[in-house]
Structure formats: C-alpha cells, structure tokens
C-alpha cells in the first residue's frame, strides 16, 4: 500500500495509530476515512491531504 499525506495528517496521528489503521482488515476507503477522522479528532490544526493506493503484485 502506498500512502502519501501532508503534515496535517502526519503531525496529528501517531505512528502507532497510523499503523493500527493501515493494518486493519478493512477496505482502503474505510482506512482513508479513519485516518482523516483520527487527524481531525486530534485537533486537525492544518489542511489534511491523503492519497492511498493499493498495489497488487504482478504475477
């Protein structure tokens, strides 16, 4: 999985929380929403930009 984000997310969400959300067995759309929600719940002091892509290995 590829995750690109601005500091509006990375400065507000701890690494532990980030990994917990990314490792959950939920669809990528739910992970995206959960990360944005976590940043907002932590104060959301800056713009939050997040791009996530699921990369499947080529066989």
PDB file of N, CA and C in Angstrom:
ATOM      1  N   UNK A   1       0.840  -1.160   0.000  1.00  0.00           N
ATOM      2  CA  UNK A   1       0.000   0.000   0.000  1.00  0.00           C
ATOM      3  C   UNK A   1       0.894   1.234   0.000  1.00  0.00           C
ATOM      4  N   UNK A   2       0.506   2.202  -0.804  1.00  0.00           N
ATOM      5  CA  UNK A   2       1.217   3.465  -0.885  1.00  0.00           C
ATOM      6  C   UNK A   2       0.383   4.521  -0.184  1.00  0.00           C
ATOM      7  N   UNK A   3       1.011   5.264   0.722  1.00  0.00           N
ATOM      8  CA  UNK A   3       0.319   6.316   1.458  1.00  0.00           C
ATOM      9  C   UNK A   3       1.118   7.604   1.319  1.00  0.00           C
ATOM     10  N   UNK A   4       0.466   8.640   0.799  1.00  0.00           N
ATOM     11  CA  UNK A   4       1.059   9.967   0.708  1.00  0.00           C
ATOM     12  C   UNK A   4       0.178  10.912   1.507  1.00  0.00           C
ATOM     13  N   UNK A   5       0.791  11.690   2.383  1.00  0.00           N
ATOM     14  CA  UNK A   5      -0.020  12.610   3.177  1.00  0.00           C
ATOM     15  C   UNK A   5       0.771  13.869   3.494  1.00  0.00           C
ATOM     16  N   UNK A   6       0.021  14.908   3.828  1.00  0.00           N
ATOM     17  CA  UNK A   6       0.647  16.142   4.274  1.00  0.00           C
ATOM     18  C   UNK A   6       0.814  16.098   5.781  1.00  0.00           C
ATOM     19  N   UNK A   7       1.502  17.106   6.300  1.00  0.00           N
ATOM     20  CA  UNK A   7       1.737  17.140   7.743  1.00  0.00           C
ATOM     21  C   UNK A   7       0.454  17.371   8.540  1.00  0.00           C
ATOM     22  N   UNK A   8      -0.624  17.756   7.868  1.00  0.00           N
ATOM     23  CA  UNK A   8      -1.909  17.863   8.557  1.00  0.00           C
ATOM     24  C   UNK A   8      -2.364  16.523   9.108  1.00  0.00           C
ATOM     25  N   UNK A   9      -1.897  15.457   8.491  1.00  0.00           N
ATOM     26  CA  UNK A   9      -2.186  14.109   8.986  1.00  0.00           C
ATOM     27  C   UNK A   9      -1.008  13.593   9.807  1.00  0.00           C
ATOM     28  N   UNK A  10       0.182  13.658   9.249  1.00  0.00           N
ATOM     29  CA  UNK A  10       1.338  13.022   9.897  1.00  0.00           C
ATOM     30  C   UNK A  10       1.726  13.651  11.228  1.00  0.00           C
ATOM     31  N   UNK A  11       1.452  14.936  11.408  1.00  0.00           N
ATOM     32  CA  UNK A  11       1.771  15.569  12.691  1.00  0.00           C
ATOM     33  C   UNK A  11       0.680  15.371  13.734  1.00  0.00           C
ATOM     34  N   UNK A  12      -0.495  14.945  13.299  1.00  0.00           N
ATOM     35  CA  UNK A  12      -1.619  14.813  14.227  1.00  0.00           C
ATOM     36  C   UNK A  12      -1.900  13.368  14.631  1.00  0.00           C
ATOM     37  N   UNK A  13      -1.446  12.414  13.844  1.00  0.00           N
ATOM     38  CA  UNK A  13      -1.732  11.000  14.106  1.00  0.00           C
ATOM     39  C   UNK A  13      -0.422  10.295  14.456  1.00  0.00           C
ATOM     40  N   UNK A  14      -0.395   9.618  15.568  1.00  0.00           N
ATOM     41  CA  UNK A  14       0.824   8.924  15.994  1.00  0.00           C
ATOM     42  C   UNK A  14       1.134   7.760  15.052  1.00  0.00           C
ATOM     43  N   UNK A  15       2.384   7.378  15.018  1.00  0.00           N
ATOM     44  CA  UNK A  15       2.792   6.232  14.206  1.00  0.00           C
ATOM     45  C   UNK A  15       2.064   4.966  14.592  1.00  0.00           C
ATOM     46  N   UNK A  16       1.836   4.798  15.890  1.00  0.00           N
ATOM     47  CA  UNK A  16       1.128   3.612  16.383  1.00  0.00           C
ATOM     48  C   UNK A  16      -0.309   3.580  15.853  1.00  0.00           C
ATOM     49  N   UNK A  17      -0.984   4.713  15.901  1.00  0.00           N
ATOM     50  CA  UNK A  17      -2.357   4.789  15.394  1.00  0.00           C
ATOM     51  C   UNK A  17      -2.382   4.602  13.886  1.00  0.00           C
ATOM     52  N   UNK A  18      -1.448   5.225  13.200  1.00  0.00           N
ATOM     53  CA  UNK A  18      -1.350   5.098  11.747  1.00  0.00           C
ATOM     54  C   UNK A  18      -1.198   3.635  11.342  1.00  0.00           C
ATOM     55  N   UNK A  19      -0.279   2.928  11.967  1.00  0.00           N
ATOM     56  CA  UNK A  19      -0.067   1.517  11.646  1.00  0.00           C
ATOM     57  C   UNK A  19      -1.270   0.660  12.001  1.00  0.00           C
ATOM     58  N   UNK A  20      -1.911   0.968  13.107  1.00  0.00           N
ATOM     59  CA  UNK A  20      -3.093   0.218  13.516  1.00  0.00           C
ATOM     60  C   UNK A  20      -4.198   0.340  12.461  1.00  0.00           C
ATOM     61  N   UNK A  21      -4.417   1.543  11.975  1.00  0.00           N
ATOM     62  CA  UNK A  21      -5.450   1.757  10.958  1.00  0.00           C
ATOM     63  C   UNK A  21      -5.053   1.095   9.640  1.00  0.00           C
ATOM     64  N   UNK A  22      -3.803   1.254   9.234  1.00  0.00           N
ATOM     65  CA  UNK A  22      -3.362   0.676   7.957  1.00  0.00           C
ATOM     66  C   UNK A  22      -3.352  -0.848   7.981  1.00  0.00           C
ATOM     67  N   UNK A  23      -3.105  -1.450   9.127  1.00  0.00           N
ATOM     68  CA  UNK A  23      -3.058  -2.911   9.228  1.00  0.00           C
ATOM     69  C   UNK A  23      -4.424  -3.550   9.446  1.00  0.00           C
ATOM     70  N   UNK A  24      -5.447  -2.734   9.647  1.00  0.00           N
ATOM     71  CA  UNK A  24      -6.797  -3.274   9.850  1.00  0.00           C
ATOM     72  C   UNK A  24      -7.273  -3.983   8.580  1.00  0.00           C
ATOM     73  N   UNK A  25      -8.138  -4.947   8.760  1.00  0.00           N
ATOM     74  CA  UNK A  25      -8.673  -5.704   7.622  1.00  0.00           C
ATOM     75  C   UNK A  25      -9.946  -5.051   7.096  1.00  0.00           C
ATOM     76  N   UNK A  26      -9.833  -3.779   6.767  1.00  0.00           N
ATOM     77  CA  UNK A  26     -10.960  -3.014   6.237  1.00  0.00           C
ATOM     78  C   UNK A  26     -10.603  -2.520   4.838  1.00  0.00           C
ATOM     79  N   UNK A  27     -11.607  -2.183   4.036  1.00  0.00           N
ATOM     80  CA  UNK A  27     -11.338  -1.664   2.697  1.00  0.00           C
ATOM     81  C   UNK A  27     -10.537  -0.352   2.759  1.00  0.00           C
ATOM     82  N   UNK A  28      -9.820  -0.065   1.702  1.00  0.00           N
ATOM     83  CA  UNK A  28      -8.958   1.120   1.653  1.00  0.00           C
ATOM     84  C   UNK A  28      -9.760   2.405   1.879  1.00  0.00           C
ATOM     85  N   UNK A  29     -11.001   2.440   1.423  1.00  0.00           N
ATOM     86  CA  UNK A  29     -11.839   3.627   1.626  1.00  0.00           C
ATOM     87  C   UNK A  29     -12.089   3.878   3.110  1.00  0.00           C
ATOM     88  N   UNK A  30     -12.302   2.816   3.864  1.00  0.00           N
ATOM     89  CA  UNK A  30     -12.522   2.947   5.302  1.00  0.00           C
ATOM     90  C   UNK A  30     -11.245   3.355   6.022  1.00  0.00           C
ATOM     91  N   UNK A  31     -10.115   2.848   5.564  1.00  0.00           N
ATOM     92  CA  UNK A  31      -8.833   3.244   6.160  1.00  0.00           C
ATOM     93  C   UNK A  31      -8.593   4.732   5.941  1.00  0.00           C
ATOM     94  N   UNK A  32      -8.897   5.205   4.735  1.00  0.00           N
ATOM     95  CA  UNK A  32      -8.724   6.620   4.416  1.00  0.00           C
ATOM     96  C   UNK A  32      -9.588   7.475   5.335  1.00  0.00           C
ATOM     97  N   UNK A  33     -10.847   7.113   5.464  1.00  0.00           N
ATOM     98  CA  UNK A  33     -11.756   7.858   6.327  1.00  0.00           C
ATOM     99  C   UNK A  33     -11.299   7.816   7.780  1.00  0.00           C
ATOM    100  N   UNK A  34     -10.817   6.663   8.226  1.00  0.00           N
ATOM    101  CA  UNK A  34     -10.365   6.527   9.616  1.00  0.00           C
ATOM    102  C   UNK A  34      -9.144   7.393   9.891  1.00  0.00           C
ATOM    103  N   UNK A  35      -8.220   7.477   8.943  1.00  0.00           N
ATOM    104  CA  UNK A  35      -7.036   8.311   9.137  1.00  0.00           C
ATOM    105  C   UNK A  35      -7.405   9.785   9.199  1.00  0.00           C
ATOM    106  N   UNK A  36      -8.274  10.221   8.306  1.00  0.00           N
ATOM    107  CA  UNK A  36      -8.701  11.623   8.321  1.00  0.00           C
ATOM    108  C   UNK A  36      -9.461  11.925   9.606  1.00  0.00           C
ATOM    109  N   UNK A  37     -10.323  11.029  10.018  1.00  0.00           N
ATOM    110  CA  UNK A  37     -11.082  11.199  11.260  1.00  0.00           C
ATOM    111  C   UNK A  37     -10.133  11.284  12.461  1.00  0.00           C
ATOM    112  N   UNK A  38      -9.090  10.441  12.470  1.00  0.00           N
ATOM    113  CA  UNK A  38      -8.122  10.452  13.576  1.00  0.00           C
ATOM    114  C   UNK A  38      -7.389  11.791  13.637  1.00  0.00           C
ATOM    115  N   UNK A  39      -7.024  12.336  12.490  1.00  0.00           N
ATOM    116  CA  UNK A  39      -6.347  13.638  12.461  1.00  0.00           C
ATOM    117  C   UNK A  39      -7.279  14.742  12.951  1.00  0.00           C
ATOM    118  N   UNK A  40      -8.521  14.713  12.502  1.00  0.00           N
ATOM    119  CA  UNK A  40      -9.490  15.724  12.946  1.00  0.00           C
ATOM    120  C   UNK A  40      -9.773  15.612  14.438  1.00  0.00           C
ATOM    121  N   UNK A  41      -9.898  14.379  14.921  1.00  0.00           N
ATOM    122  CA  UNK A  41     -10.155  14.155  16.352  1.00  0.00           C
ATOM    123  C   UNK A  41      -8.984  14.606  17.216  1.00  0.00           C
ATOM    124  N   UNK A  42      -7.787  14.659  16.637  1.00  0.00           N
ATOM    125  CA  UNK A  42      -6.600  15.088  17.376  1.00  0.00           C
ATOM    126  C   UNK A  42      -6.390  16.594  17.300  1.00  0.00           C
ATOM    127  N   UNK A  43      -7.321  17.286  16.705  1.00  0.00           N
ATOM    128  CA  UNK A  43      -7.220  18.741  16.651  1.00  0.00           C
ATOM    129  C   UNK A  43      -7.271  19.310  15.252  1.00  0.00           C
ATOM    130  N   UNK A  44      -6.840  18.540  14.257  1.00  0.00           N
ATOM    131  CA  UNK A  44      -6.892  18.962  12.867  1.00  0.00           C
ATOM    132  C   UNK A  44      -6.478  20.401  12.648  1.00  0.00           C
ATOM    133  N   UNK A  45      -5.270  20.774  13.063  1.00  0.00           N
ATOM    134  CA  UNK A  45      -4.824  22.169  13.028  1.00  0.00           C
ATOM    135  C   UNK A  45      -4.346  22.640  11.662  1.00  0.00           C
ATOM    136  N   UNK A  46      -4.230  21.746  10.701  1.00  0.00           N
ATOM    137  CA  UNK A  46      -3.722  22.103   9.376  1.00  0.00           C
ATOM    138  C   UNK A  46      -4.552  21.359   8.334  1.00  0.00           C
ATOM    139  N   UNK A  47      -4.387  21.746   7.073  1.00  0.00           N
ATOM    140  CA  UNK A  47      -5.067  21.025   5.991  1.00  0.00           C
ATOM    141  C   UNK A  47      -4.632  19.566   6.004  1.00  0.00           C
ATOM    142  N   UNK A  48      -5.561  18.686   5.715  1.00  0.00           N
ATOM    143  CA  UNK A  48      -5.272  17.256   5.681  1.00  0.00           C
ATOM    144  C   UNK A  48      -5.447  16.774   4.253  1.00  0.00           C
ATOM    145  N   UNK A  49      -4.357  16.315   3.669  1.00  0.00           N
ATOM    146  CA  UNK A  49      -4.401  15.746   2.324  1.00  0.00           C
ATOM    147  C   UNK A  49      -3.866  14.335   2.413  1.00  0.00           C
ATOM    148  N   UNK A  50      -4.609  13.399   1.818  1.00  0.00           N
ATOM    149  CA  UNK A  50      -4.231  11.997   1.907  1.00  0.00           C
ATOM    150  C   UNK A  50      -4.546  11.307   0.593  1.00  0.00           C
ATOM    151  N   UNK A  51      -3.554  10.578   0.077  1.00  0.00           N
ATOM    152  CA  UNK A  51      -3.735   9.758  -1.117  1.00  0.00           C
ATOM    153  C   UNK A  51      -3.267   8.361  -0.745  1.00  0.00           C
ATOM    154  N   UNK A  52      -4.115   7.373  -0.985  1.00  0.00           N
ATOM    155  CA  UNK A  52      -3.757   5.987  -0.713  1.00  0.00           C
ATOM    156  C   UNK A  52      -3.988   5.157  -1.951  1.00  0.00           C
ATOM    157  N   UNK A  53      -3.083   4.222  -2.213  1.00  0.00           N
ATOM    158  CA  UNK A  53      -3.225   3.338  -3.360  1.00  0.00           C
ATOM    159  C   UNK A  53      -2.851   1.928  -2.930  1.00  0.00           C
ATOM    160  N   UNK A  54      -3.692   0.986  -3.306  1.00  0.00           N
ATOM    161  CA  UNK A  54      -3.401  -0.419  -3.047  1.00  0.00           C
ATOM    162  C   UNK A  54      -2.644  -0.953  -4.265  1.00  0.00           C
ATOM    163  N   UNK A  55      -1.492  -1.520  -4.023  1.00  0.00           N
ATOM    164  CA  UNK A  55      -0.647  -2.022  -5.100  1.00  0.00           C
ATOM    165  C   UNK A  55      -0.628  -3.540  -5.024  1.00  0.00           C
ATOM    166  N   UNK A  56      -1.143  -4.170  -6.051  1.00  0.00           N
ATOM    167  CA  UNK A  56      -1.149  -5.636  -6.104  1.00  0.00           C
ATOM    168  C   UNK A  56       0.077  -6.107  -6.868  1.00  0.00           C
ATOM    169  N   UNK A  57       0.775  -7.096  -6.335  1.00  0.00           N
ATOM    170  CA  UNK A  57       1.953  -7.609  -7.033  1.00  0.00           C
ATOM    171  C   UNK A  57       1.573  -8.263  -8.352  1.00  0.00           C
ATOM    172  N   UNK A  58       2.422  -8.080  -9.340  1.00  0.00           N
ATOM    173  CA  UNK A  58       2.197  -8.723 -10.631  1.00  0.00           C
ATOM    174  C   UNK A  58       2.665 -10.160 -10.537  1.00  0.00           C
ATOM    175  N   UNK A  59       1.904 -11.039 -11.128  1.00  0.00           N
ATOM    176  CA  UNK A  59       2.244 -12.463 -11.088  1.00  0.00           C
ATOM    177  C   UNK A  59       2.911 -12.861 -12.388  1.00  0.00           C
TER     178      UNK A  59
END
